């Protein structure tokens, strides 16, 4: 506990982020104040939405200033607590710093209960990505049994859970992912009906085969040309849930578009963007269902784990190169005494 390593935003990225945009600095380990808790990081989440926080412009998440310590979802152990609900040794999760140690208001932390699976699952299938999938399917898409649901970035943290929840609802599920390994994972491990490898196939032609009766629901994680292709196959009264646009996050200019809105007129389809934070009052509902599904084997998950806080920028950049299968996490320190 002599020093505390933490990452700051060194400069604003131009295009795809690189290691030059991050700076690992050392500081003193902070002391918790009244009702605060000192947490030692075990697992750190990196997520695509963080790219928006690196821009100067407004976004749904407040942008970081150059020199700010980066933040993300963390699972860690309580080292010292001045909050009545937590004691040293407790495992907690919250939005904390990219650091070895961080102080948080105890009211902003939640105890981790993962039903016997890895504590890191609280950052993935049982955390924000899983809840995003849950509400995106059950509330936004709201598919009927027998519907065809297409998911982009289907092998990622959100998409992999989306497809399985849609399957539990009796839907035919088509997942779009990059690479044969990911497609095999969708079909063999996660129970998707069909996987489409966008890296090798014309997506529109592949969907004509994979979804011969058209698309009733589309969960959009990527935007760009893949979404253009899916729009060509929407059925009348189809629903589109817009969760992310990772294909566009690193663009410096605004791409031409939207190019396919005429499809919505023809198909009388609906498109709804959503943020999981809007469902905060119902987070417990989602977590309980997800824990139940994971314990029953109805929902499977995979994690891509990078070891070492110093490698967090590489893990983050890898999100935009499709390196992860399932949830990307950084294991800062797996075992220690609080």
C-alpha atoms as a PDB file:
ATOM      1  CA  UNK A   1       0.000   0.000   0.000  1.00  0.00           C
ATOM      2  CA  UNK A   2       2.951   2.359  -0.508  1.00  0.00           C
ATOM      3  CA  UNK A   3       1.880   3.601  -3.943  1.00  0.00           C
ATOM      4  CA  UNK A   4      -1.228   3.587  -6.067  1.00  0.00           C
ATOM      5  CA  UNK A   5      -0.869   3.198  -9.832  1.00  0.00           C
ATOM      6  CA  UNK A   6      -3.600   4.859 -11.856  1.00  0.00           C
ATOM      7  CA  UNK A   7      -4.249   5.670 -15.502  1.00  0.00           C
ATOM      8  CA  UNK A   8      -4.965   9.202 -16.664  1.00  0.00           C
ATOM      9  CA  UNK A   9      -6.088  10.423 -20.072  1.00  0.00           C
ATOM     10  CA  UNK A  10      -2.855  11.712 -21.593  1.00  0.00           C
ATOM     11  CA  UNK A  11      -4.428  13.203 -24.724  1.00  0.00           C
ATOM     12  CA  UNK A  12      -7.605  12.948 -26.741  1.00  0.00           C
ATOM     13  CA  UNK A  13      -7.426  10.159 -29.332  1.00  0.00           C
ATOM     14  CA  UNK A  14      -7.586  10.929 -33.029  1.00  0.00           C
ATOM     15  CA  UNK A  15      -9.323   7.970 -34.598  1.00  0.00           C
ATOM     16  CA  UNK A  16      -8.662   4.661 -32.900  1.00  0.00           C
ATOM     17  CA  UNK A  17      -7.154   5.016 -29.408  1.00  0.00           C
ATOM     18  CA  UNK A  18      -3.528   4.022 -28.866  1.00  0.00           C
ATOM     19  CA  UNK A  19      -1.185   3.531 -25.916  1.00  0.00           C
ATOM     20  CA  UNK A  20      -0.054   7.148 -26.320  1.00  0.00           C
ATOM     21  CA  UNK A  21      -3.475   8.311 -25.117  1.00  0.00           C
ATOM     22  CA  UNK A  22      -2.938   6.763 -21.667  1.00  0.00           C
ATOM     23  CA  UNK A  23      -0.441   7.594 -18.954  1.00  0.00           C
ATOM     24  CA  UNK A  24       0.227   5.356 -15.940  1.00  0.00           C
ATOM     25  CA  UNK A  25       1.164   7.503 -12.954  1.00  0.00           C
ATOM     26  CA  UNK A  26       1.794   6.839  -9.280  1.00  0.00           C
ATOM     27  CA  UNK A  27       0.056   8.526  -6.380  1.00  0.00           C
ATOM     28  CA  UNK A  28      -0.486   7.917  -2.701  1.00  0.00           C
ATOM     29  CA  UNK A  29      -3.079   5.402  -1.629  1.00  0.00           C
ATOM     30  CA  UNK A  30      -6.117   7.520  -0.671  1.00  0.00           C
ATOM     31  CA  UNK A  31      -7.650   7.523   2.795  1.00  0.00           C
ATOM     32  CA  UNK A  32     -11.413   7.002   3.078  1.00  0.00           C
ATOM     33  CA  UNK A  33     -13.433   9.806   4.636  1.00  0.00           C
ATOM     34  CA  UNK A  34     -16.743   9.603   6.493  1.00  0.00           C
ATOM     35  CA  UNK A  35     -19.032   6.924   4.985  1.00  0.00           C
ATOM     36  CA  UNK A  36     -16.346   6.160   2.398  1.00  0.00           C
ATOM     37  CA  UNK A  37     -14.669   2.858   1.559  1.00  0.00           C
ATOM     38  CA  UNK A  38     -11.155   2.093   0.321  1.00  0.00           C
ATOM     39  CA  UNK A  39     -11.303  -0.633  -2.347  1.00  0.00           C
ATOM     40  CA  UNK A  40      -8.441  -2.622  -3.817  1.00  0.00           C
ATOM     41  CA  UNK A  41      -9.164  -3.524  -7.433  1.00  0.00           C
ATOM     42  CA  UNK A  42      -9.416  -7.160  -8.449  1.00  0.00           C
ATOM     43  CA  UNK A  43     -11.129  -6.849 -11.840  1.00  0.00           C
ATOM     44  CA  UNK A  44     -11.559  -3.809 -14.068  1.00  0.00           C
ATOM     45  CA  UNK A  45     -14.038  -3.534 -16.930  1.00  0.00           C
ATOM     46  CA  UNK A  46     -13.266  -1.885 -20.257  1.00  0.00           C
ATOM     47  CA  UNK A  47     -16.271  -1.054 -22.434  1.00  0.00           C
ATOM     48  CA  UNK A  48     -16.828   0.570 -25.849  1.00  0.00           C
ATOM     49  CA  UNK A  49     -18.875   3.469 -24.441  1.00  0.00           C
ATOM     50  CA  UNK A  50     -15.686   4.777 -22.807  1.00  0.00           C
ATOM     51  CA  UNK A  51     -14.485   5.929 -26.224  1.00  0.00           C
ATOM     52  CA  UNK A  52     -17.156   8.630 -26.152  1.00  0.00           C
ATOM     53  CA  UNK A  53     -15.835   9.908 -22.819  1.00  0.00           C
ATOM     54  CA  UNK A  54     -12.467  10.546 -24.450  1.00  0.00           C
ATOM     55  CA  UNK A  55     -13.994  13.145 -26.777  1.00  0.00           C
ATOM     56  CA  UNK A  56     -14.386  16.790 -25.862  1.00  0.00           C
ATOM     57  CA  UNK A  57     -17.974  16.949 -27.096  1.00  0.00           C
ATOM     58  CA  UNK A  58     -21.092  16.105 -25.168  1.00  0.00           C
ATOM     59  CA  UNK A  59     -22.254  12.529 -24.870  1.00  0.00           C
ATOM     60  CA  UNK A  60     -24.653  10.606 -22.661  1.00  0.00           C
ATOM     61  CA  UNK A  61     -21.625   9.970 -20.413  1.00  0.00           C
ATOM     62  CA  UNK A  62     -19.689  12.982 -19.134  1.00  0.00           C
ATOM     63  CA  UNK A  63     -16.407  13.402 -21.055  1.00  0.00           C
ATOM     64  CA  UNK A  64     -13.071  13.083 -19.284  1.00  0.00           C
ATOM     65  CA  UNK A  65     -10.706  16.023 -19.314  1.00  0.00           C
ATOM     66  CA  UNK A  66      -7.101  15.473 -20.315  1.00  0.00           C
ATOM     67  CA  UNK A  67      -5.309  14.575 -17.091  1.00  0.00           C
ATOM     68  CA  UNK A  68      -8.372  12.987 -15.473  1.00  0.00           C
ATOM     69  CA  UNK A  69      -8.063   9.537 -13.956  1.00  0.00           C
ATOM     70  CA  UNK A  70     -10.079   7.113 -16.080  1.00  0.00           C
ATOM     71  CA  UNK A  71     -13.038   5.325 -14.559  1.00  0.00           C
ATOM     72  CA  UNK A  72     -14.901   2.101 -15.132  1.00  0.00           C
ATOM     73  CA  UNK A  73     -16.792  -0.682 -13.429  1.00  0.00           C
ATOM     74  CA  UNK A  74     -14.644  -2.484 -10.860  1.00  0.00           C
ATOM     75  CA  UNK A  75     -14.879  -5.543  -8.668  1.00  0.00           C
ATOM     76  CA  UNK A  76     -12.647  -5.282  -5.650  1.00  0.00           C
ATOM     77  CA  UNK A  77     -12.089  -6.021  -1.984  1.00  0.00           C
ATOM     78  CA  UNK A  78     -12.739  -3.606   0.831  1.00  0.00           C
ATOM     79  CA  UNK A  79      -9.492  -2.682   2.568  1.00  0.00           C
ATOM     80  CA  UNK A  80     -10.848  -0.086   4.975  1.00  0.00           C
ATOM     81  CA  UNK A  81     -14.423   1.009   5.588  1.00  0.00           C
ATOM     82  CA  UNK A  82     -16.064   3.964   7.279  1.00  0.00           C
ATOM     83  CA  UNK A  83     -19.466   2.872   6.018  1.00  0.00           C
ATOM     84  CA  UNK A  84     -21.795   0.763   8.181  1.00  0.00           C
ATOM     85  CA  UNK A  85     -22.760  -1.635   5.377  1.00  0.00           C
ATOM     86  CA  UNK A  86     -19.221  -2.759   4.498  1.00  0.00           C
ATOM     87  CA  UNK A  87     -16.286  -4.277   6.341  1.00  0.00           C
ATOM     88  CA  UNK A  88     -12.713  -5.126   5.401  1.00  0.00           C
ATOM     89  CA  UNK A  89     -12.656  -8.207   3.185  1.00  0.00           C
ATOM     90  CA  UNK A  90     -16.076  -7.663   1.580  1.00  0.00           C
ATOM     91  CA  UNK A  91     -16.246  -7.987  -2.199  1.00  0.00           C
ATOM     92  CA  UNK A  92     -17.942  -5.003  -3.837  1.00  0.00           C
ATOM     93  CA  UNK A  93     -18.568  -3.493  -7.234  1.00  0.00           C
ATOM     94  CA  UNK A  94     -19.006   0.086  -8.386  1.00  0.00           C
ATOM     95  CA  UNK A  95     -17.818   2.715 -10.842  1.00  0.00           C
ATOM     96  CA  UNK A  96     -14.253   3.347  -9.676  1.00  0.00           C
ATOM     97  CA  UNK A  97     -10.877   4.430 -11.012  1.00  0.00           C
ATOM     98  CA  UNK A  98      -8.506   2.569 -13.298  1.00  0.00           C
ATOM     99  CA  UNK A  99      -6.203   2.119 -10.339  1.00  0.00           C
ATOM    100  CA  UNK A 100      -4.861  -0.331  -7.797  1.00  0.00           C
ATOM    101  CA  UNK A 101      -6.892   1.405  -5.090  1.00  0.00           C
ATOM    102  CA  UNK A 102      -9.855   3.760  -5.103  1.00  0.00           C
ATOM    103  CA  UNK A 103     -12.057   5.472  -2.554  1.00  0.00           C
ATOM    104  CA  UNK A 104     -15.821   5.529  -3.051  1.00  0.00           C
ATOM    105  CA  UNK A 105     -18.894   6.644  -1.170  1.00  0.00           C
ATOM    106  CA  UNK A 106     -20.249   3.445   0.326  1.00  0.00           C
ATOM    107  CA  UNK A 107     -23.716   4.357  -0.917  1.00  0.00           C
ATOM    108  CA  UNK A 108     -22.388   3.972  -4.484  1.00  0.00           C
ATOM    109  CA  UNK A 109     -21.105   0.431  -3.931  1.00  0.00           C
ATOM    110  CA  UNK A 110     -22.949  -2.881  -4.108  1.00  0.00           C
ATOM    111  CA  UNK A 111     -21.947  -6.167  -2.554  1.00  0.00           C
ATOM    112  CA  UNK A 112     -21.094  -8.840  -5.111  1.00  0.00           C
ATOM    113  CA  UNK A 113     -23.227 -11.981  -5.166  1.00  0.00           C
ATOM    114  CA  UNK A 114     -22.672 -14.023  -8.305  1.00  0.00           C
ATOM    115  CA  UNK A 115     -24.325 -17.279  -7.336  1.00  0.00           C
ATOM    116  CA  UNK A 116     -21.104 -19.252  -7.265  1.00  0.00           C
ATOM    117  CA  UNK A 117     -19.545 -18.138 -10.556  1.00  0.00           C
ATOM    118  CA  UNK A 118     -16.483 -15.905 -10.850  1.00  0.00           C
ATOM    119  CA  UNK A 119     -16.726 -12.501  -9.172  1.00  0.00           C
ATOM    120  CA  UNK A 120     -15.716 -10.988 -12.519  1.00  0.00           C
ATOM    121  CA  UNK A 121     -19.151 -11.987 -13.845  1.00  0.00           C
ATOM    122  CA  UNK A 122     -20.452  -8.951 -11.939  1.00  0.00           C
ATOM    123  CA  UNK A 123     -18.809  -6.887 -14.696  1.00  0.00           C
ATOM    124  CA  UNK A 124     -20.325  -8.918 -17.528  1.00  0.00           C
ATOM    125  CA  UNK A 125     -23.261 -11.286 -17.704  1.00  0.00           C
ATOM    126  CA  UNK A 126     -24.426 -10.310 -14.192  1.00  0.00           C
ATOM    127  CA  UNK A 127     -23.483  -6.652 -14.532  1.00  0.00           C
ATOM    128  CA  UNK A 128     -24.083  -3.751 -16.883  1.00  0.00           C
ATOM    129  CA  UNK A 129     -23.761  -5.768 -20.133  1.00  0.00           C
ATOM    130  CA  UNK A 130     -26.131  -8.474 -18.934  1.00  0.00           C
ATOM    131  CA  UNK A 131     -28.680  -5.952 -17.714  1.00  0.00           C
ATOM    132  CA  UNK A 132     -28.401  -4.086 -21.014  1.00  0.00           C
ATOM    133  CA  UNK A 133     -29.221  -7.294 -22.860  1.00  0.00           C
ATOM    134  CA  UNK A 134     -32.081  -8.116 -20.495  1.00  0.00           C
ATOM    135  CA  UNK A 135     -33.912  -4.805 -20.835  1.00  0.00           C
ATOM    136  CA  UNK A 136     -33.042  -4.426 -24.510  1.00  0.00           C
ATOM    137  CA  UNK A 137     -34.744  -7.707 -25.324  1.00  0.00           C
ATOM    138  CA  UNK A 138     -37.600  -7.846 -22.843  1.00  0.00           C
ATOM    139  CA  UNK A 139     -38.613  -4.168 -22.915  1.00  0.00           C
ATOM    140  CA  UNK A 140     -37.355  -2.625 -26.156  1.00  0.00           C
ATOM    141  CA  UNK A 141     -37.573  -5.442 -28.702  1.00  0.00           C
ATOM    142  CA  UNK A 142     -40.280  -7.357 -26.814  1.00  0.00           C
ATOM    143  CA  UNK A 143     -40.296 -10.213 -29.352  1.00  0.00           C
ATOM    144  CA  UNK A 144     -42.992 -12.842 -29.738  1.00  0.00           C
ATOM    145  CA  UNK A 145     -42.228 -16.570 -29.830  1.00  0.00           C
ATOM    146  CA  UNK A 146     -41.367 -17.544 -33.390  1.00  0.00           C
ATOM    147  CA  UNK A 147     -39.931 -14.118 -34.275  1.00  0.00           C
ATOM    148  CA  UNK A 148     -36.552 -13.879 -35.964  1.00  0.00           C
ATOM    149  CA  UNK A 149     -34.124 -11.737 -33.978  1.00  0.00           C
ATOM    150  CA  UNK A 150     -30.782 -10.608 -35.397  1.00  0.00           C
ATOM    151  CA  UNK A 151     -27.941  -9.454 -33.129  1.00  0.00           C
ATOM    152  CA  UNK A 152     -24.799  -7.628 -34.262  1.00  0.00           C
ATOM    153  CA  UNK A 153     -21.521  -7.904 -32.310  1.00  0.00           C
ATOM    154  CA  UNK A 154     -23.174 -11.118 -31.182  1.00  0.00           C
ATOM    155  CA  UNK A 155     -20.065 -12.634 -29.589  1.00  0.00           C
ATOM    156  CA  UNK A 156     -19.495  -9.594 -27.376  1.00  0.00           C
ATOM    157  CA  UNK A 157     -20.475  -8.995 -23.781  1.00  0.00           C
ATOM    158  CA  UNK A 158     -23.955  -7.662 -24.584  1.00  0.00           C
ATOM    159  CA  UNK A 159     -24.763  -9.440 -27.831  1.00  0.00           C
ATOM    160  CA  UNK A 160     -23.967 -12.909 -26.520  1.00  0.00           C
ATOM    161  CA  UNK A 161     -26.539 -12.494 -23.746  1.00  0.00           C
ATOM    162  CA  UNK A 162     -29.093 -10.842 -26.051  1.00  0.00           C
ATOM    163  CA  UNK A 163     -29.193 -13.875 -28.305  1.00  0.00           C
ATOM    164  CA  UNK A 164     -29.633 -16.314 -25.454  1.00  0.00           C
ATOM    165  CA  UNK A 165     -32.459 -14.316 -23.873  1.00  0.00           C
ATOM    166  CA  UNK A 166     -34.188 -14.121 -27.252  1.00  0.00           C
ATOM    167  CA  UNK A 167     -33.819 -17.895 -27.576  1.00  0.00           C
ATOM    168  CA  UNK A 168     -35.366 -18.343 -24.128  1.00  0.00           C
ATOM    169  CA  UNK A 169     -38.302 -16.311 -25.452  1.00  0.00           C
ATOM    170  CA  UNK A 170     -38.787 -18.815 -28.270  1.00  0.00           C
ATOM    171  CA  UNK A 171     -37.204 -16.769 -31.055  1.00  0.00           C
ATOM    172  CA  UNK A 172     -35.076 -17.818 -33.987  1.00  0.00           C
ATOM    173  CA  UNK A 173     -31.747 -16.061 -33.373  1.00  0.00           C
ATOM    174  CA  UNK A 174     -29.171 -14.996 -35.942  1.00  0.00           C
ATOM    175  CA  UNK A 175     -25.877 -13.620 -34.664  1.00  0.00           C
ATOM    176  CA  UNK A 176     -23.446 -11.517 -36.689  1.00  0.00           C
ATOM    177  CA  UNK A 177     -19.808 -11.655 -35.587  1.00  0.00           C
ATOM    178  CA  UNK A 178     -16.312 -11.413 -37.041  1.00  0.00           C
ATOM    179  CA  UNK A 179     -14.420 -14.674 -37.523  1.00  0.00           C
ATOM    180  CA  UNK A 180     -15.104 -18.370 -37.718  1.00  0.00           C
ATOM    181  CA  UNK A 181     -14.160 -18.921 -34.064  1.00  0.00           C
ATOM    182  CA  UNK A 182     -16.806 -16.472 -32.918  1.00  0.00           C
ATOM    183  CA  UNK A 183     -19.449 -17.931 -35.212  1.00  0.00           C
ATOM    184  CA  UNK A 184     -18.698 -21.411 -33.878  1.00  0.00           C
ATOM    185  CA  UNK A 185     -19.001 -20.055 -30.334  1.00  0.00           C
ATOM    186  CA  UNK A 186     -22.431 -18.616 -31.128  1.00  0.00           C
ATOM    187  CA  UNK A 187     -23.764 -21.818 -32.648  1.00  0.00           C
ATOM    188  CA  UNK A 188     -22.019 -24.454 -30.522  1.00  0.00           C
ATOM    189  CA  UNK A 189     -21.812 -22.827 -27.087  1.00  0.00           C
ATOM    190  CA  UNK A 190     -24.574 -20.236 -26.941  1.00  0.00           C
ATOM    191  CA  UNK A 191     -27.343 -21.936 -28.915  1.00  0.00           C
ATOM    192  CA  UNK A 192     -27.795 -19.355 -31.681  1.00  0.00           C
ATOM    193  CA  UNK A 193     -29.637 -20.832 -34.644  1.00  0.00           C
ATOM    194  CA  UNK A 194     -27.259 -19.318 -37.208  1.00  0.00           C
ATOM    195  CA  UNK A 195     -24.029 -17.346 -37.056  1.00  0.00           C
ATOM    196  CA  UNK A 196     -22.912 -14.994 -39.842  1.00  0.00           C
ATOM    197  CA  UNK A 197     -19.249 -14.104 -40.279  1.00  0.00           C
ATOM    198  CA  UNK A 198     -19.300 -10.533 -41.586  1.00  0.00           C
ATOM    199  CA  UNK A 199     -15.570 -10.696 -42.301  1.00  0.00           C
ATOM    200  CA  UNK A 200     -16.056 -13.269 -45.046  1.00  0.00           C
ATOM    201  CA  UNK A 201     -19.665 -12.987 -46.174  1.00  0.00           C
ATOM    202  CA  UNK A 202     -21.884 -10.399 -47.783  1.00  0.00           C
ATOM    203  CA  UNK A 203     -24.114  -9.766 -44.779  1.00  0.00           C
ATOM    204  CA  UNK A 204     -27.232  -9.016 -46.788  1.00  0.00           C
ATOM    205  CA  UNK A 205     -26.876 -12.180 -48.862  1.00  0.00           C
ATOM    206  CA  UNK A 206     -26.096 -14.230 -45.755  1.00  0.00           C
ATOM    207  CA  UNK A 207     -29.208 -12.909 -44.016  1.00  0.00           C
ATOM    208  CA  UNK A 208     -31.346 -13.886 -46.976  1.00  0.00           C
ATOM    209  CA  UNK A 209     -30.369 -17.479 -46.157  1.00  0.00           C
ATOM    210  CA  UNK A 210     -30.193 -17.187 -42.376  1.00  0.00           C
ATOM    211  CA  UNK A 211     -33.488 -15.284 -42.019  1.00  0.00           C
ATOM    212  CA  UNK A 212     -35.587 -16.405 -45.006  1.00  0.00           C
ATOM    213  CA  UNK A 213     -38.782 -15.074 -43.401  1.00  0.00           C
ATOM    214  CA  UNK A 214     -37.249 -11.669 -42.702  1.00  0.00           C
ATOM    215  CA  UNK A 215     -36.185  -9.936 -39.491  1.00  0.00           C
ATOM    216  CA  UNK A 216     -38.714  -9.120 -36.774  1.00  0.00           C
ATOM    217  CA  UNK A 217     -36.247  -7.724 -34.234  1.00  0.00           C
ATOM    218  CA  UNK A 218     -32.759  -6.307 -34.590  1.00  0.00           C
ATOM    219  CA  UNK A 219     -30.455  -5.576 -31.646  1.00  0.00           C
ATOM    220  CA  UNK A 220     -27.913  -3.113 -33.002  1.00  0.00           C
ATOM    221  CA  UNK A 221     -24.507  -2.911 -31.339  1.00  0.00           C
ATOM    222  CA  UNK A 222     -22.457  -1.671 -34.289  1.00  0.00           C
ATOM    223  CA  UNK A 223     -24.187   0.632 -36.789  1.00  0.00           C
ATOM    224  CA  UNK A 224     -22.520   1.248 -40.149  1.00  0.00           C
ATOM    225  CA  UNK A 225     -22.685  -1.137 -43.122  1.00  0.00           C
ATOM    226  CA  UNK A 226     -23.821  -4.126 -41.053  1.00  0.00           C
ATOM    227  CA  UNK A 227     -26.882  -2.262 -39.844  1.00  0.00           C
ATOM    228  CA  UNK A 228     -27.546  -1.059 -43.384  1.00  0.00           C
ATOM    229  CA  UNK A 229     -27.603  -4.698 -44.488  1.00  0.00           C
ATOM    230  CA  UNK A 230     -29.971  -5.786 -41.722  1.00  0.00           C
ATOM    231  CA  UNK A 231     -32.400  -2.970 -42.532  1.00  0.00           C
ATOM    232  CA  UNK A 232     -32.863  -4.467 -46.000  1.00  0.00           C
ATOM    233  CA  UNK A 233     -34.513  -7.509 -44.375  1.00  0.00           C
ATOM    234  CA  UNK A 234     -36.793  -5.902 -41.789  1.00  0.00           C
ATOM    235  CA  UNK A 235     -40.349  -7.174 -41.722  1.00  0.00           C
ATOM    236  CA  UNK A 236     -43.458  -5.057 -41.410  1.00  0.00           C
ATOM    237  CA  UNK A 237     -43.736  -3.761 -37.814  1.00  0.00           C
ATOM    238  CA  UNK A 238     -40.187  -4.854 -37.032  1.00  0.00           C
ATOM    239  CA  UNK A 239     -38.474  -3.431 -33.943  1.00  0.00           C
ATOM    240  CA  UNK A 240     -34.892  -2.179 -33.746  1.00  0.00           C
ATOM    241  CA  UNK A 241     -33.119  -1.630 -30.415  1.00  0.00           C
ATOM    242  CA  UNK A 242     -30.105   0.659 -30.814  1.00  0.00           C
ATOM    243  CA  UNK A 243     -27.619  -0.104 -28.060  1.00  0.00           C
ATOM    244  CA  UNK A 244     -24.252   0.881 -29.563  1.00  0.00           C
ATOM    245  CA  UNK A 245     -22.516   2.049 -32.722  1.00  0.00           C
ATOM    246  CA  UNK A 246     -18.998   0.738 -32.240  1.00  0.00           C
ATOM    247  CA  UNK A 247     -18.284   0.788 -35.979  1.00  0.00           C
ATOM    248  CA  UNK A 248     -18.484   4.600 -35.829  1.00  0.00           C
ATOM    249  CA  UNK A 249     -16.926   5.417 -32.455  1.00  0.00           C
ATOM    250  CA  UNK A 250     -13.473   6.167 -33.844  1.00  0.00           C
ATOM    251  CA  UNK A 251     -14.638   8.239 -36.819  1.00  0.00           C
ATOM    252  CA  UNK A 252     -13.425  11.822 -36.671  1.00  0.00           C
ATOM    253  CA  UNK A 253     -16.093  13.038 -39.083  1.00  0.00           C
ATOM    254  CA  UNK A 254     -19.818  12.441 -39.060  1.00  0.00           C
ATOM    255  CA  UNK A 255     -20.652   9.691 -41.579  1.00  0.00           C
ATOM    256  CA  UNK A 256     -23.267  10.271 -44.263  1.00  0.00           C
ATOM    257  CA  UNK A 257     -26.656   9.089 -43.162  1.00  0.00           C
ATOM    258  CA  UNK A 258     -28.941   7.855 -41.868  1.00  0.00           C
ATOM    259  CA  UNK A 259     -29.212   6.102 -45.199  1.00  0.00           C
ATOM    260  CA  UNK A 260     -31.942   3.556 -44.651  1.00  0.00           C
ATOM    261  CA  UNK A 261     -34.789   5.511 -43.098  1.00  0.00           C
ATOM    262  CA  UNK A 262     -36.946   4.907 -46.159  1.00  0.00           C
ATOM    263  CA  UNK A 263     -37.032   1.264 -45.058  1.00  0.00           C
ATOM    264  CA  UNK A 264     -38.801   2.303 -41.865  1.00  0.00           C
ATOM    265  CA  UNK A 265     -41.509   3.961 -43.918  1.00  0.00           C
ATOM    266  CA  UNK A 266     -42.032   0.939 -46.129  1.00  0.00           C
ATOM    267  CA  UNK A 267     -42.007  -1.509 -43.213  1.00  0.00           C
ATOM    268  CA  UNK A 268     -43.644   0.731 -40.615  1.00  0.00           C
ATOM    269  CA  UNK A 269     -40.789  -0.376 -38.363  1.00  0.00           C
ATOM    270  CA  UNK A 270     -39.827   1.247 -35.085  1.00  0.00           C
ATOM    271  CA  UNK A 271     -36.330   2.173 -33.912  1.00  0.00           C
ATOM    272  CA  UNK A 272     -35.594   2.939 -30.271  1.00  0.00           C
ATOM    273  CA  UNK A 273     -32.307   3.892 -28.684  1.00  0.00           C
ATOM    274  CA  UNK A 274     -31.925   3.124 -25.006  1.00  0.00           C
ATOM    275  CA  UNK A 275     -29.553   3.441 -22.060  1.00  0.00           C
ATOM    276  CA  UNK A 276     -29.439   0.789 -19.387  1.00  0.00           C
ATOM    277  CA  UNK A 277     -29.203   3.488 -16.719  1.00  0.00           C
ATOM    278  CA  UNK A 278     -32.812   4.399 -17.419  1.00  0.00           C
ATOM    279  CA  UNK A 279     -33.771   1.038 -15.901  1.00  0.00           C
ATOM    280  CA  UNK A 280     -31.852   1.519 -12.640  1.00  0.00           C
ATOM    281  CA  UNK A 281     -34.950   1.015 -10.434  1.00  0.00           C
ATOM    282  CA  UNK A 282     -35.268  -2.477 -11.957  1.00  0.00           C
ATOM    283  CA  UNK A 283     -31.634  -3.590 -11.801  1.00  0.00           C
ATOM    284  CA  UNK A 284     -32.354  -6.078  -9.019  1.00  0.00           C
ATOM    285  CA  UNK A 285     -35.029  -7.727 -11.171  1.00  0.00           C
ATOM    286  CA  UNK A 286     -32.580  -8.178 -14.039  1.00  0.00           C
ATOM    287  CA  UNK A 287     -29.759  -9.463 -11.856  1.00  0.00           C
ATOM    288  CA  UNK A 288     -31.980 -12.031 -10.151  1.00  0.00           C
ATOM    289  CA  UNK A 289     -33.184 -13.387 -13.497  1.00  0.00           C
ATOM    290  CA  UNK A 290     -29.673 -13.474 -14.935  1.00  0.00           C
ATOM    291  CA  UNK A 291     -28.255 -15.279 -11.887  1.00  0.00           C
ATOM    292  CA  UNK A 292     -31.060 -17.824 -12.158  1.00  0.00           C
ATOM    293  CA  UNK A 293     -30.416 -18.392 -15.868  1.00  0.00           C
ATOM    294  CA  UNK A 294     -26.667 -18.754 -15.370  1.00  0.00           C
ATOM    295  CA  UNK A 295     -27.101 -21.186 -12.479  1.00  0.00           C
ATOM    296  CA  UNK A 296     -29.598 -23.258 -14.500  1.00  0.00           C
ATOM    297  CA  UNK A 297     -27.319 -23.356 -17.525  1.00  0.00           C
ATOM    298  CA  UNK A 298     -29.836 -21.423 -19.624  1.00  0.00           C
ATOM    299  CA  UNK A 299     -27.341 -18.606 -20.211  1.00  0.00           C
ATOM    300  CA  UNK A 300     -23.666 -19.335 -20.826  1.00  0.00           C
ATOM    301  CA  UNK A 301     -20.907 -16.760 -20.874  1.00  0.00           C
ATOM    302  CA  UNK A 302     -17.274 -16.361 -21.749  1.00  0.00           C
ATOM    303  CA  UNK A 303     -14.690 -13.833 -20.624  1.00  0.00           C
ATOM    304  CA  UNK A 304     -11.515 -12.585 -22.259  1.00  0.00           C
ATOM    305  CA  UNK A 305      -9.126 -11.783 -19.428  1.00  0.00           C
ATOM    306  CA  UNK A 306      -6.029  -9.591 -19.665  1.00  0.00           C
ATOM    307  CA  UNK A 307      -3.700  -9.675 -16.668  1.00  0.00           C
ATOM    308  CA  UNK A 308      -2.200  -6.556 -15.122  1.00  0.00           C
ATOM    309  CA  UNK A 309      -3.427  -3.011 -14.649  1.00  0.00           C
ATOM    310  CA  UNK A 310      -0.613  -1.842 -16.919  1.00  0.00           C
ATOM    311  CA  UNK A 311      -2.265  -3.706 -19.803  1.00  0.00           C
ATOM    312  CA  UNK A 312      -5.697  -2.070 -19.431  1.00  0.00           C
ATOM    313  CA  UNK A 313      -5.155   0.260 -22.438  1.00  0.00           C
ATOM    314  CA  UNK A 314      -4.314  -2.725 -24.659  1.00  0.00           C
ATOM    315  CA  UNK A 315      -7.485  -4.471 -23.506  1.00  0.00           C
ATOM    316  CA  UNK A 316      -9.511  -1.357 -24.282  1.00  0.00           C
ATOM    317  CA  UNK A 317      -8.005  -0.848 -27.746  1.00  0.00           C
ATOM    318  CA  UNK A 318      -8.605  -4.530 -28.481  1.00  0.00           C
ATOM    319  CA  UNK A 319     -12.358  -3.951 -28.227  1.00  0.00           C
ATOM    320  CA  UNK A 320     -12.206  -1.995 -31.498  1.00  0.00           C
ATOM    321  CA  UNK A 321     -10.193  -4.721 -33.208  1.00  0.00           C
ATOM    322  CA  UNK A 322     -12.597  -7.518 -32.268  1.00  0.00           C
ATOM    323  CA  UNK A 323     -10.061  -9.313 -30.073  1.00  0.00           C
ATOM    324  CA  UNK A 324     -12.462 -10.237 -27.278  1.00  0.00           C
ATOM    325  CA  UNK A 325     -14.941 -13.069 -27.129  1.00  0.00           C
ATOM    326  CA  UNK A 326     -17.571 -12.322 -24.516  1.00  0.00           C
ATOM    327  CA  UNK A 327     -16.763  -9.792 -21.804  1.00  0.00           C
ATOM    328  CA  UNK A 328     -13.339  -8.147 -21.810  1.00  0.00           C
ATOM    329  CA  UNK A 329     -11.976  -7.721 -18.285  1.00  0.00           C
ATOM    330  CA  UNK A 330      -8.623  -6.794 -16.788  1.00  0.00           C
ATOM    331  CA  UNK A 331      -7.494  -8.888 -13.839  1.00  0.00           C
ATOM    332  CA  UNK A 332      -5.581  -6.443 -11.710  1.00  0.00           C
ATOM    333  CA  UNK A 333      -5.025  -8.799  -8.808  1.00  0.00           C
ATOM    334  CA  UNK A 334      -6.881 -12.062  -8.477  1.00  0.00           C
ATOM    335  CA  UNK A 335      -6.010 -13.126  -4.921  1.00  0.00           C
ATOM    336  CA  UNK A 336      -4.931 -11.014  -1.985  1.00  0.00           C
ATOM    337  CA  UNK A 337      -5.618 -10.394   1.664  1.00  0.00           C
ATOM    338  CA  UNK A 338      -7.630  -7.247   2.272  1.00  0.00           C
END
